[in-house]
Amino acid sequence: MNGMHNPAHPGEVLKEGWPAEVTITAAAKQLGVTRATLSRILNGHASISADMALRLQDWLGINAQMWLRMQATYDLWQAQHNKQRPRVERLKHLAQ
């Protein structure tokens, strides 16, 4: 993953393909979440959980594992590029 560029948040991908005739309020109701929750996901401020991935799968027919892979890829890239992440020394082999 080192050569990967900053991957899109899965909520942004969801937002890009959003049908114009579907309001966030209506979608949230169909998904069984609050409008605020869905808005936070669409704007990249909240992660897609396993539960939400299953809801999106049921609603859109797009595999839940795809949403979770996208979220994990995004999260890992963010962690790798976090300047505050402490340096951790590799574990030395324990003497036997």
PDB file of N, CA and C in Angstrom:
ATOM      1  N   MET A   1       0.801  -1.201   0.000  1.00  0.00           N
ATOM      2  CA  MET A   1       0.000   0.000   0.000  1.00  0.00           C
ATOM      3  C   MET A   1       0.842   1.262   0.000  1.00  0.00           C
ATOM      4  N   ASN A   2       2.149   1.131   0.076  1.00  0.00           N
ATOM      5  CA  ASN A   2       2.988   2.316   0.169  1.00  0.00           C
ATOM      6  C   ASN A   2       2.863   3.235  -1.032  1.00  0.00           C
ATOM      7  N   GLY A   3       2.667   2.683  -2.245  1.00  0.00           N
ATOM      8  CA  GLY A   3       2.591   3.504  -3.427  1.00  0.00           C
ATOM      9  C   GLY A   3       1.200   4.094  -3.652  1.00  0.00           C
ATOM     10  N   MET A   4       0.262   3.756  -2.792  1.00  0.00           N
ATOM     11  CA  MET A   4      -1.113   4.197  -2.979  1.00  0.00           C
ATOM     12  C   MET A   4      -1.261   5.682  -2.656  1.00  0.00           C
ATOM     13  N   HIS A   5      -2.043   6.350  -3.488  1.00  0.00           N
ATOM     14  CA  HIS A   5      -2.380   7.742  -3.212  1.00  0.00           C
ATOM     15  C   HIS A   5      -3.535   7.766  -2.229  1.00  0.00           C
ATOM     16  N   ASN A   6      -3.779   8.914  -1.678  1.00  0.00           N
ATOM     17  CA  ASN A   6      -4.842   9.069  -0.692  1.00  0.00           C
ATOM     18  C   ASN A   6      -6.164   8.529  -1.238  1.00  0.00           C
ATOM     19  N   PRO A   7      -6.641   7.403  -0.699  1.00  0.00           N
ATOM     20  CA  PRO A   7      -7.890   6.838  -1.199  1.00  0.00           C
ATOM     21  C   PRO A   7      -9.087   7.661  -0.722  1.00  0.00           C
ATOM     22  N   ALA A   8     -10.139   7.628  -1.499  1.00  0.00           N
ATOM     23  CA  ALA A   8     -11.364   8.348  -1.132  1.00  0.00           C
ATOM     24  C   ALA A   8     -12.038   7.658   0.046  1.00  0.00           C
ATOM     25  N   HIS A   9     -12.665   8.452   0.882  1.00  0.00           N
ATOM     26  CA  HIS A   9     -13.506   7.906   1.951  1.00  0.00           C
ATOM     27  C   HIS A   9     -14.700   7.241   1.267  1.00  0.00           C
ATOM     28  N   PRO A  10     -15.134   6.063   1.732  1.00  0.00           N
ATOM     29  CA  PRO A  10     -16.251   5.387   1.074  1.00  0.00           C
ATOM     30  C   PRO A  10     -17.537   6.222   1.034  1.00  0.00           C
ATOM     31  N   GLY A  11     -17.709   7.108   2.005  1.00  0.00           N
ATOM     32  CA  GLY A  11     -18.866   7.995   1.996  1.00  0.00           C
ATOM     33  C   GLY A  11     -18.833   8.951   0.819  1.00  0.00           C
ATOM     34  N   GLU A  12     -17.621   9.379   0.449  1.00  0.00           N
ATOM     35  CA  GLU A  12     -17.476  10.262  -0.708  1.00  0.00           C
ATOM     36  C   GLU A  12     -17.812   9.516  -1.990  1.00  0.00           C
ATOM     37  N   VAL A  13     -17.433   8.240  -2.057  1.00  0.00           N
ATOM     38  CA  VAL A  13     -17.757   7.403  -3.211  1.00  0.00           C
ATOM     39  C   VAL A  13     -19.273   7.237  -3.297  1.00  0.00           C
ATOM     40  N   LEU A  14     -19.896   6.989  -2.163  1.00  0.00           N
ATOM     41  CA  LEU A  14     -21.351   6.862  -2.102  1.00  0.00           C
ATOM     42  C   LEU A  14     -22.009   8.161  -2.569  1.00  0.00           C
ATOM     43  N   LYS A  15     -21.475   9.277  -2.134  1.00  0.00           N
ATOM     44  CA  LYS A  15     -22.019  10.595  -2.487  1.00  0.00           C
ATOM     45  C   LYS A  15     -21.909  10.867  -3.991  1.00  0.00           C
ATOM     46  N   GLU A  16     -20.789  10.446  -4.596  1.00  0.00           N
ATOM     47  CA  GLU A  16     -20.564  10.665  -6.030  1.00  0.00           C
ATOM     48  C   GLU A  16     -21.627   9.978  -6.879  1.00  0.00           C
ATOM     49  N   GLY A  17     -22.032   8.784  -6.476  1.00  0.00           N
ATOM     50  CA  GLY A  17     -23.009   8.031  -7.246  1.00  0.00           C
ATOM     51  C   GLY A  17     -24.442   8.241  -6.785  1.00  0.00           C
ATOM     52  N   TRP A  18     -24.650   9.243  -5.960  1.00  0.00           N
ATOM     53  CA  TRP A  18     -25.960   9.480  -5.338  1.00  0.00           C
ATOM     54  C   TRP A  18     -26.991   9.893  -6.386  1.00  0.00           C
ATOM     55  N   PRO A  19     -28.139   9.203  -6.429  1.00  0.00           N
ATOM     56  CA  PRO A  19     -29.191   9.606  -7.370  1.00  0.00           C
ATOM     57  C   PRO A  19     -29.802  10.949  -6.956  1.00  0.00           C
ATOM     58  N   ALA A  20     -29.899  11.870  -7.898  1.00  0.00           N
ATOM     59  CA  ALA A  20     -30.361  13.233  -7.616  1.00  0.00           C
ATOM     60  C   ALA A  20     -31.764  13.269  -7.003  1.00  0.00           C
ATOM     61  N   GLU A  21     -32.589  12.301  -7.361  1.00  0.00           N
ATOM     62  CA  GLU A  21     -33.981  12.327  -6.888  1.00  0.00           C
ATOM     63  C   GLU A  21     -34.153  11.794  -5.464  1.00  0.00           C
ATOM     64  N   VAL A  22     -33.102  11.256  -4.869  1.00  0.00           N
ATOM     65  CA  VAL A  22     -33.189  10.694  -3.511  1.00  0.00           C
ATOM     66  C   VAL A  22     -32.597  11.689  -2.510  1.00  0.00           C
ATOM     67  N   THR A  23     -33.431  12.160  -1.588  1.00  0.00           N
ATOM     68  CA  THR A  23     -32.928  13.083  -0.569  1.00  0.00           C
ATOM     69  C   THR A  23     -32.192  12.302   0.510  1.00  0.00           C
ATOM     70  N   ILE A  24     -31.309  12.989   1.207  1.00  0.00           N
ATOM     71  CA  ILE A  24     -30.584  12.353   2.317  1.00  0.00           C
ATOM     72  C   ILE A  24     -31.578  11.933   3.398  1.00  0.00           C
ATOM     73  N   THR A  25     -32.582  12.749   3.624  1.00  0.00           N
ATOM     74  CA  THR A  25     -33.608  12.433   4.628  1.00  0.00           C
ATOM     75  C   THR A  25     -34.344  11.143   4.271  1.00  0.00           C
ATOM     76  N   ALA A  26     -34.743  11.010   3.011  1.00  0.00           N
ATOM     77  CA  ALA A  26     -35.461   9.799   2.571  1.00  0.00           C
ATOM     78  C   ALA A  26     -34.551   8.573   2.648  1.00  0.00           C
ATOM     79  N   ALA A  27     -33.301   8.737   2.227  1.00  0.00           N
ATOM     80  CA  ALA A  27     -32.347   7.623   2.269  1.00  0.00           C
ATOM     81  C   ALA A  27     -32.095   7.185   3.708  1.00  0.00           C
ATOM     82  N   ALA A  28     -31.923   8.151   4.598  1.00  0.00           N
ATOM     83  CA  ALA A  28     -31.686   7.824   6.011  1.00  0.00           C
ATOM     84  C   ALA A  28     -32.856   7.026   6.573  1.00  0.00           C
ATOM     85  N   LYS A  29     -34.060   7.432   6.215  1.00  0.00           N
ATOM     86  CA  LYS A  29     -35.249   6.721   6.690  1.00  0.00           C
ATOM     87  C   LYS A  29     -35.261   5.286   6.166  1.00  0.00           C
ATOM     88  N   GLN A  30     -34.958   5.112   4.884  1.00  0.00           N
ATOM     89  CA  GLN A  30     -34.923   3.773   4.293  1.00  0.00           C
ATOM     90  C   GLN A  30     -33.826   2.910   4.916  1.00  0.00           C
ATOM     91  N   LEU A  31     -32.711   3.538   5.265  1.00  0.00           N
ATOM     92  CA  LEU A  31     -31.585   2.813   5.873  1.00  0.00           C
ATOM     93  C   LEU A  31     -31.775   2.588   7.379  1.00  0.00           C
ATOM     94  N   GLY A  32     -32.725   3.298   7.975  1.00  0.00           N
ATOM     95  CA  GLY A  32     -32.968   3.152   9.404  1.00  0.00           C
ATOM     96  C   GLY A  32     -31.939   3.847  10.266  1.00  0.00           C
ATOM     97  N   VAL A  33     -31.388   4.963   9.761  1.00  0.00           N
ATOM     98  CA  VAL A  33     -30.422   5.759  10.524  1.00  0.00           C
ATOM     99  C   VAL A  33     -30.905   7.207  10.531  1.00  0.00           C
ATOM    100  N   THR A  34     -30.279   8.034  11.367  1.00  0.00           N
ATOM    101  CA  THR A  34     -30.657   9.444  11.383  1.00  0.00           C
ATOM    102  C   THR A  34     -30.052  10.147  10.165  1.00  0.00           C
ATOM    103  N   ARG A  35     -30.655  11.273   9.818  1.00  0.00           N
ATOM    104  CA  ARG A  35     -30.135  12.070   8.715  1.00  0.00           C
ATOM    105  C   ARG A  35     -28.711  12.517   9.042  1.00  0.00           C
ATOM    106  N   ALA A  36     -28.477  12.881  10.306  1.00  0.00           N
ATOM    107  CA  ALA A  36     -27.147  13.339  10.727  1.00  0.00           C
ATOM    108  C   ALA A  36     -26.097  12.240  10.536  1.00  0.00           C
ATOM    109  N   THR A  37     -26.449  11.012  10.878  1.00  0.00           N
ATOM    110  CA  THR A  37     -25.517   9.887  10.716  1.00  0.00           C
ATOM    111  C   THR A  37     -25.148   9.708   9.255  1.00  0.00           C
ATOM    112  N   LEU A  38     -26.155   9.684   8.387  1.00  0.00           N
ATOM    113  CA  LEU A  38     -25.886   9.501   6.962  1.00  0.00           C
ATOM    114  C   LEU A  38     -25.093  10.672   6.399  1.00  0.00           C
ATOM    115  N   SER A  39     -25.414  11.870   6.818  1.00  0.00           N
ATOM    116  CA  SER A  39     -24.698  13.056   6.352  1.00  0.00           C
ATOM    117  C   SER A  39     -23.227  12.997   6.757  1.00  0.00           C
ATOM    118  N   ARG A  40     -22.956  12.565   7.983  1.00  0.00           N
ATOM    119  CA  ARG A  40     -21.566  12.451   8.457  1.00  0.00           C
ATOM    120  C   ARG A  40     -20.783  11.440   7.618  1.00  0.00           C
ATOM    121  N   ILE A  41     -21.424  10.335   7.253  1.00  0.00           N
ATOM    122  CA  ILE A  41     -20.764   9.337   6.401  1.00  0.00           C
ATOM    123  C   ILE A  41     -20.496   9.922   5.021  1.00  0.00           C
ATOM    124  N   LEU A  42     -21.519  10.536   4.418  1.00  0.00           N
ATOM    125  CA  LEU A  42     -21.389  11.086   3.068  1.00  0.00           C
ATOM    126  C   LEU A  42     -20.313  12.163   2.980  1.00  0.00           C
ATOM    127  N   ASN A  43     -20.098  12.889   4.068  1.00  0.00           N
ATOM    128  CA  ASN A  43     -19.097  13.954   4.086  1.00  0.00           C
ATOM    129  C   ASN A  43     -17.737  13.498   4.618  1.00  0.00           C
ATOM    130  N   GLY A  44     -17.584  12.185   4.834  1.00  0.00           N
ATOM    131  CA  GLY A  44     -16.300  11.639   5.251  1.00  0.00           C
ATOM    132  C   GLY A  44     -15.946  11.891   6.696  1.00  0.00           C
ATOM    133  N   HIS A  45     -16.958  12.211   7.531  1.00  0.00           N
ATOM    134  CA  HIS A  45     -16.695  12.496   8.950  1.00  0.00           C
ATOM    135  C   HIS A  45     -17.024  11.322   9.857  1.00  0.00           C
ATOM    136  N   ALA A  46     -17.568  10.243   9.295  1.00  0.00           N
ATOM    137  CA  ALA A  46     -17.870   9.033  10.074  1.00  0.00           C
ATOM    138  C   ALA A  46     -17.551   7.828   9.206  1.00  0.00           C
ATOM    139  N   SER A  47     -17.149   6.762   9.850  1.00  0.00           N
ATOM    140  CA  SER A  47     -16.808   5.526   9.146  1.00  0.00           C
ATOM    141  C   SER A  47     -18.046   4.713   8.808  1.00  0.00           C
ATOM    142  N   ILE A  48     -17.891   3.880   7.789  1.00  0.00           N
ATOM    143  CA  ILE A  48     -18.939   2.915   7.470  1.00  0.00           C
ATOM    144  C   ILE A  48     -18.672   1.678   8.314  1.00  0.00           C
ATOM    145  N   SER A  49     -19.598   1.388   9.222  1.00  0.00           N
ATOM    146  CA  SER A  49     -19.485   0.223  10.103  1.00  0.00           C
ATOM    147  C   SER A  49     -19.935  -1.027   9.348  1.00  0.00           C
ATOM    148  N   ALA A  50     -19.698  -2.185   9.949  1.00  0.00           N
ATOM    149  CA  ALA A  50     -20.173  -3.437   9.358  1.00  0.00           C
ATOM    150  C   ALA A  50     -21.689  -3.408   9.214  1.00  0.00           C
ATOM    151  N   ASP A  51     -22.371  -2.883  10.225  1.00  0.00           N
ATOM    152  CA  ASP A  51     -23.829  -2.789  10.175  1.00  0.00           C
ATOM    153  C   ASP A  51     -24.277  -1.884   9.030  1.00  0.00           C
ATOM    154  N   MET A  52     -23.639  -0.742   8.876  1.00  0.00           N
ATOM    155  CA  MET A  52     -24.001   0.177   7.788  1.00  0.00           C
ATOM    156  C   MET A  52     -23.675  -0.441   6.434  1.00  0.00           C
ATOM    157  N   ALA A  53     -22.569  -1.170   6.355  1.00  0.00           N
ATOM    158  CA  ALA A  53     -22.213  -1.836   5.094  1.00  0.00           C
ATOM    159  C   ALA A  53     -23.303  -2.827   4.692  1.00  0.00           C
ATOM    160  N   LEU A  54     -23.852  -3.541   5.667  1.00  0.00           N
ATOM    161  CA  LEU A  54     -24.942  -4.481   5.373  1.00  0.00           C
ATOM    162  C   LEU A  54     -26.207  -3.738   4.958  1.00  0.00           C
ATOM    163  N   ARG A  55     -26.477  -2.614   5.590  1.00  0.00           N
ATOM    164  CA  ARG A  55     -27.648  -1.805   5.208  1.00  0.00           C
ATOM    165  C   ARG A  55     -27.497  -1.295   3.777  1.00  0.00           C
ATOM    166  N   LEU A  56     -26.297  -0.818   3.445  1.00  0.00           N
ATOM    167  CA  LEU A  56     -26.052  -0.338   2.091  1.00  0.00           C
ATOM    168  C   LEU A  56     -26.154  -1.474   1.072  1.00  0.00           C
ATOM    169  N   GLN A  57     -25.697  -2.645   1.464  1.00  0.00           N
ATOM    170  CA  GLN A  57     -25.812  -3.818   0.591  1.00  0.00           C
ATOM    171  C   GLN A  57     -27.280  -4.124   0.302  1.00  0.00           C
ATOM    172  N   ASP A  58     -28.098  -4.124   1.359  1.00  0.00           N
ATOM    173  CA  ASP A  58     -29.524  -4.392   1.192  1.00  0.00           C
ATOM    174  C   ASP A  58     -30.187  -3.312   0.342  1.00  0.00           C
ATOM    175  N   TRP A  59     -29.794  -2.071   0.540  1.00  0.00           N
ATOM    176  CA  TRP A  59     -30.437  -0.923  -0.106  1.00  0.00           C
ATOM    177  C   TRP A  59     -30.004  -0.760  -1.556  1.00  0.00           C
ATOM    178  N   LEU A  60     -28.687  -0.895  -1.803  1.00  0.00           N
ATOM    179  CA  LEU A  60     -28.140  -0.629  -3.131  1.00  0.00           C
ATOM    180  C   LEU A  60     -27.765  -1.877  -3.922  1.00  0.00           C
ATOM    181  N   GLY A  61     -27.644  -3.011  -3.212  1.00  0.00           N
ATOM    182  CA  GLY A  61     -27.199  -4.225  -3.881  1.00  0.00           C
ATOM    183  C   GLY A  61     -25.696  -4.255  -4.120  1.00  0.00           C
ATOM    184  N   ILE A  62     -24.962  -3.382  -3.420  1.00  0.00           N
ATOM    185  CA  ILE A  62     -23.496  -3.344  -3.550  1.00  0.00           C
ATOM    186  C   ILE A  62     -22.910  -4.067  -2.338  1.00  0.00           C
ATOM    187  N   ASN A  63     -22.096  -5.057  -2.596  1.00  0.00           N
ATOM    188  CA  ASN A  63     -21.544  -5.955  -1.594  1.00  0.00           C
ATOM    189  C   ASN A  63     -21.003  -5.231  -0.358  1.00  0.00           C
ATOM    190  N   ALA A  64     -21.411  -5.704   0.809  1.00  0.00           N
ATOM    191  CA  ALA A  64     -20.979  -5.112   2.079  1.00  0.00           C
ATOM    192  C   ALA A  64     -19.459  -5.169   2.236  1.00  0.00           C
ATOM    193  N   GLN A  65     -18.849  -6.255   1.770  1.00  0.00           N
ATOM    194  CA  GLN A  65     -17.396  -6.378   1.904  1.00  0.00           C
ATOM    195  C   GLN A  65     -16.666  -5.291   1.130  1.00  0.00           C
ATOM    196  N   MET A  66     -17.234  -4.844   0.003  1.00  0.00           N
ATOM    197  CA  MET A  66     -16.609  -3.766  -0.750  1.00  0.00           C
ATOM    198  C   MET A  66     -16.563  -2.488   0.077  1.00  0.00           C
ATOM    199  N   TRP A  67     -17.691  -2.169   0.738  1.00  0.00           N
ATOM    200  CA  TRP A  67     -17.725  -0.959   1.587  1.00  0.00           C
ATOM    201  C   TRP A  67     -16.708  -1.064   2.706  1.00  0.00           C
ATOM    202  N   LEU A  68     -16.613  -2.249   3.326  1.00  0.00           N
ATOM    203  CA  LEU A  68     -15.669  -2.425   4.442  1.00  0.00           C
ATOM    204  C   LEU A  68     -14.221  -2.399   3.969  1.00  0.00           C
ATOM    205  N   ARG A  69     -13.942  -2.965   2.796  1.00  0.00           N
ATOM    206  CA  ARG A  69     -12.578  -2.899   2.248  1.00  0.00           C
ATOM    207  C   ARG A  69     -12.195  -1.450   1.963  1.00  0.00           C
ATOM    208  N   MET A  70     -13.126  -0.696   1.390  1.00  0.00           N
ATOM    209  CA  MET A  70     -12.848   0.716   1.112  1.00  0.00           C
ATOM    210  C   MET A  70     -12.573   1.471   2.407  1.00  0.00           C
ATOM    211  N   GLN A  71     -13.359   1.183   3.456  1.00  0.00           N
ATOM    212  CA  GLN A  71     -13.173   1.861   4.743  1.00  0.00           C
ATOM    213  C   GLN A  71     -11.830   1.487   5.350  1.00  0.00           C
ATOM    214  N   ALA A  72     -11.484   0.195   5.310  1.00  0.00           N
ATOM    215  CA  ALA A  72     -10.209  -0.255   5.878  1.00  0.00           C
ATOM    216  C   ALA A  72      -9.030   0.349   5.117  1.00  0.00           C
ATOM    217  N   THR A  73      -9.127   0.414   3.795  1.00  0.00           N
ATOM    218  CA  THR A  73      -8.058   1.011   2.978  1.00  0.00           C
ATOM    219  C   THR A  73      -7.887   2.480   3.325  1.00  0.00           C
ATOM    220  N   TYR A  74      -9.007   3.188   3.455  1.00  0.00           N
ATOM    221  CA  TYR A  74      -8.981   4.604   3.821  1.00  0.00           C
ATOM    222  C   TYR A  74      -8.364   4.783   5.214  1.00  0.00           C
ATOM    223  N   ASP A  75      -8.832   3.991   6.185  1.00  0.00           N
ATOM    224  CA  ASP A  75      -8.342   4.105   7.565  1.00  0.00           C
ATOM    225  C   ASP A  75      -6.849   3.806   7.654  1.00  0.00           C
ATOM    226  N   LEU A  76      -6.392   2.770   6.950  1.00  0.00           N
ATOM    227  CA  LEU A  76      -4.981   2.405   6.990  1.00  0.00           C
ATOM    228  C   LEU A  76      -4.117   3.511   6.379  1.00  0.00           C
ATOM    229  N   TRP A  77      -4.542   4.075   5.265  1.00  0.00           N
ATOM    230  CA  TRP A  77      -3.784   5.161   4.638  1.00  0.00           C
ATOM    231  C   TRP A  77      -3.693   6.344   5.588  1.00  0.00           C
ATOM    232  N   GLN A  78      -4.821   6.687   6.224  1.00  0.00           N
ATOM    233  CA  GLN A  78      -4.830   7.811   7.170  1.00  0.00           C
ATOM    234  C   GLN A  78      -3.862   7.550   8.327  1.00  0.00           C
ATOM    235  N   ALA A  79      -3.867   6.323   8.850  1.00  0.00           N
ATOM    236  CA  ALA A  79      -2.976   5.975   9.970  1.00  0.00           C
ATOM    237  C   ALA A  79      -1.508   6.033   9.550  1.00  0.00           C
ATOM    238  N   GLN A  80      -1.221   5.541   8.334  1.00  0.00           N
ATOM    239  CA  GLN A  80       0.161   5.543   7.849  1.00  0.00           C
ATOM    240  C   GLN A  80       0.692   6.964   7.663  1.00  0.00           C
ATOM    241  N   HIS A  81      -0.180   7.908   7.393  1.00  0.00           N
ATOM    242  CA  HIS A  81       0.240   9.275   7.123  1.00  0.00           C
ATOM    243  C   HIS A  81      -0.032  10.216   8.290  1.00  0.00           C
ATOM    244  N   ASN A  82      -0.311   9.647   9.452  1.00  0.00           N
ATOM    245  CA  ASN A  82      -0.556  10.436  10.659  1.00  0.00           C
ATOM    246  C   ASN A  82       0.795  10.822  11.267  1.00  0.00           C
ATOM    247  N   LYS A  83       1.075  12.103  11.257  1.00  0.00           N
ATOM    248  CA  LYS A  83       2.377  12.590  11.762  1.00  0.00           C
ATOM    249  C   LYS A  83       2.532  12.379  13.269  1.00  0.00           C
ATOM    250  N   GLN A  84       1.436  12.247  14.001  1.00  0.00           N
ATOM    251  CA  GLN A  84       1.518  12.065  15.451  1.00  0.00           C
ATOM    252  C   GLN A  84       1.699  10.598  15.863  1.00  0.00           C
ATOM    253  N   ARG A  85       1.677   9.700  14.886  1.00  0.00           N
ATOM    254  CA  ARG A  85       1.800   8.281  15.235  1.00  0.00           C
ATOM    255  C   ARG A  85       3.188   8.021  15.821  1.00  0.00           C
ATOM    256  N   PRO A  86       3.233   7.418  17.010  1.00  0.00           N
ATOM    257  CA  PRO A  86       4.540   7.175  17.638  1.00  0.00           C
ATOM    258  C   PRO A  86       5.344   6.114  16.876  1.00  0.00           C
ATOM    259  N   ARG A  87       6.655   6.257  16.925  1.00  0.00           N
ATOM    260  CA  ARG A  87       7.534   5.258  16.303  1.00  0.00           C
ATOM    261  C   ARG A  87       7.595   4.053  17.231  1.00  0.00           C
ATOM    262  N   VAL A  88       7.409   2.893  16.670  1.00  0.00           N
ATOM    263  CA  VAL A  88       7.423   1.656  17.453  1.00  0.00           C
ATOM    264  C   VAL A  88       8.575   0.801  16.949  1.00  0.00           C
ATOM    265  N   GLU A  89       9.429   0.370  17.895  1.00  0.00           N
ATOM    266  CA  GLU A  89      10.563  -0.493  17.550  1.00  0.00           C
ATOM    267  C   GLU A  89      10.075  -1.910  17.278  1.00  0.00           C
ATOM    268  N   ARG A  90      10.686  -2.562  16.301  1.00  0.00           N
ATOM    269  CA  ARG A  90      10.340  -3.943  15.991  1.00  0.00           C
ATOM    270  C   ARG A  90      10.719  -4.832  17.175  1.00  0.00           C
ATOM    271  N   LEU A  91       9.881  -5.806  17.486  1.00  0.00           N
ATOM    272  CA  LEU A  91      10.126  -6.742  18.579  1.00  0.00           C
ATOM    273  C   LEU A  91      11.354  -7.583  18.265  1.00  0.00           C
ATOM    274  N   LYS A  92      12.279  -7.635  19.196  1.00  0.00           N
ATOM    275  CA  LYS A  92      13.485  -8.467  19.039  1.00  0.00           C
ATOM    276  C   LYS A  92      13.089  -9.905  19.394  1.00  0.00           C
ATOM    277  N   HIS A  93      13.715 -10.862  18.751  1.00  0.00           N
ATOM    278  CA  HIS A  93      13.398 -12.263  19.064  1.00  0.00           C
ATOM    279  C   HIS A  93      13.759 -12.538  20.525  1.00  0.00           C
ATOM    280  N   LEU A  94      12.848 -13.192  21.195  1.00  0.00           N
ATOM    281  CA  LEU A  94      13.073 -13.497  22.608  1.00  0.00           C
ATOM    282  C   LEU A  94      14.084 -14.624  22.761  1.00  0.00           C
ATOM    283  N   ALA A  95      14.984 -14.479  23.732  1.00  0.00           N
ATOM    284  CA  ALA A  95      15.988 -15.539  23.979  1.00  0.00           C
ATOM    285  C   ALA A  95      15.263 -16.781  24.472  1.00  0.00           C
ATOM    286  N   GLN A  96      15.696 -17.922  23.961  1.00  0.00           N
ATOM    287  CA  GLN A  96      15.010 -19.160  24.354  1.00  0.00           C
ATOM    288  C   GLN A  96      15.857 -19.976  25.276  1.00  0.00           C
TER     289      GLN A  96
END
